């Protein structure tokens, strides 16, 4: 899988995350068979085309932290019923996407 295929795969995964659920950068990388590439997932997310923006807020870091400086992310997640712990992190035990999406073959 080359870099472009990986990026397209990232976008395919995030489109599958259901409303009210979140997934981590590492989970996306593992779903694509590249568990060591969570930073590349973050880079792909930061460059996501506008048509993917309705899905991007559902991707968070492994501790449940939100994207620094993206104040709207919390509001978008709260509108979907996502709850937060006292420390401001998403409650991953409640909202982590556990389903493995069936991804198109690359």
Protein backbone atom coordinates (compact mmCIF):
# COMPACT_ATOMS: atom_id res chain seq x y z
CA UNK A 1 0.00 0.00 0.00
CA UNK A 2 1.55 3.30 -1.04
CA UNK A 3 1.00 6.64 0.74
CA UNK A 4 -1.91 7.73 -1.47
CA UNK A 5 -3.68 4.40 -1.01
CA UNK A 6 -3.19 4.72 2.74
CA UNK A 7 -4.68 8.23 2.78
CA UNK A 8 -7.68 7.09 0.73
CA UNK A 9 -8.07 4.19 3.17
CA UNK A 10 -8.07 6.61 6.11
CA UNK A 11 -10.89 8.59 4.50
CA UNK A 12 -12.83 5.39 3.76
CA UNK A 13 -12.58 4.37 7.42
CA UNK A 14 -13.67 7.70 8.87
CA UNK A 15 -16.76 7.76 6.66
CA UNK A 16 -17.86 4.52 8.37
CA UNK A 17 -17.65 5.79 11.97
CA UNK A 18 -21.25 5.94 13.20
CA UNK A 19 -22.75 9.00 14.81
CA UNK A 20 -22.15 8.95 18.56
CA UNK A 21 -18.91 6.96 18.27
CA UNK A 22 -15.25 7.84 18.11
CA UNK A 23 -12.14 6.06 16.90
CA UNK A 24 -8.47 6.71 17.61
CA UNK A 25 -5.74 7.46 15.10
CA UNK A 26 -4.11 4.16 16.06
CA UNK A 27 -7.30 2.20 15.48
CA UNK A 28 -7.62 3.64 11.98
CA UNK A 29 -4.00 2.68 11.27
CA UNK A 30 -4.61 -0.87 12.57
CA UNK A 31 -7.77 -1.24 10.48
CA UNK A 32 -5.65 -0.43 7.44
CA UNK A 33 -3.03 -3.01 8.40
CA UNK A 34 -0.44 -0.36 9.26
CA UNK A 35 -0.45 -0.17 13.08
CA UNK A 36 2.78 1.85 13.13
CA UNK A 37 1.24 4.66 11.02
CA UNK A 38 -1.03 6.51 13.47
CA UNK A 39 0.84 9.77 12.84
CA UNK A 40 0.16 9.41 9.13
CA UNK A 41 -3.53 9.09 10.01
CA UNK A 42 -3.27 12.40 11.86
CA UNK A 43 -1.57 14.01 8.88
CA UNK A 44 -4.27 12.72 6.54
CA UNK A 45 -6.95 14.05 8.88
CA UNK A 46 -5.37 17.50 8.97
CA UNK A 47 -5.55 17.61 5.18
CA UNK A 48 -9.00 16.07 4.78
CA UNK A 49 -11.08 17.52 1.94
CA UNK A 50 -14.16 19.56 2.87
CA UNK A 51 -16.60 16.77 2.03
CA UNK A 52 -15.06 14.70 4.85
CA UNK A 53 -15.31 17.41 7.51
CA UNK A 54 -18.64 16.02 8.82
CA UNK A 55 -16.72 12.90 9.95
CA UNK A 56 -13.33 14.22 11.09
CA UNK A 57 -14.41 15.24 14.60
CA UNK A 58 -14.93 11.56 15.45
CA UNK A 59 -11.19 10.80 15.34
CA UNK A 60 -9.29 11.41 18.58
CA UNK A 61 -6.05 10.36 20.21
CA UNK A 62 -5.56 7.13 22.16
CA UNK A 63 -6.25 8.78 25.51
CA UNK A 64 -9.47 10.41 24.34
CA UNK A 65 -7.97 13.86 23.87
CA UNK A 66 -9.30 16.18 21.24
CA UNK A 67 -7.39 18.04 18.54
CA UNK A 68 -5.57 20.99 20.16
CA UNK A 69 -6.95 24.32 18.99
CA UNK A 70 -10.09 22.85 17.39
CA UNK A 71 -12.67 24.19 19.84
CA UNK A 72 -15.65 23.11 17.73
CA UNK A 73 -14.72 19.42 17.97
CA UNK A 74 -16.10 19.06 21.49
CA UNK A 75 -19.36 20.77 20.54
CA UNK A 76 -19.81 18.49 17.52
CA UNK A 77 -19.19 15.39 19.64
CA UNK A 78 -21.53 16.55 22.40
CA UNK A 79 -24.30 17.09 19.82
CA UNK A 80 -23.90 13.38 18.95
CA UNK A 81 -24.22 12.34 22.59
CA UNK A 82 -20.53 11.81 23.30
CA UNK A 83 -19.71 12.28 26.98
CA UNK A 84 -16.48 13.47 28.53
CA UNK A 85 -14.64 12.56 31.70
CA UNK A 86 -13.73 15.20 34.29
CA UNK A 87 -10.30 15.60 32.69
CA UNK A 88 -11.90 16.69 29.39
CA UNK A 89 -11.17 13.47 27.51
CA UNK A 90 -13.80 11.46 25.65
CA UNK A 91 -15.07 8.52 27.66
CA UNK A 92 -13.63 5.82 25.38
CA UNK A 93 -15.22 3.01 27.38
CA UNK A 94 -18.64 4.33 26.35
CA UNK A 95 -18.03 5.70 22.88
CA UNK A 96 -15.14 3.83 21.24
CA UNK A 97 -16.20 2.38 17.90
CA UNK A 98 -15.90 -1.36 18.33
CA UNK A 99 -17.15 -2.48 14.96
CA UNK A 100 -14.58 -3.29 12.33
CA UNK A 101 -15.70 -1.76 9.06
CA UNK A 102 -15.48 -3.86 5.95
CA UNK A 103 -13.05 -1.85 3.89
CA UNK A 104 -12.65 -1.90 0.14
CA UNK A 105 -9.67 -3.92 -1.05
CA UNK A 106 -6.70 -1.79 -2.07
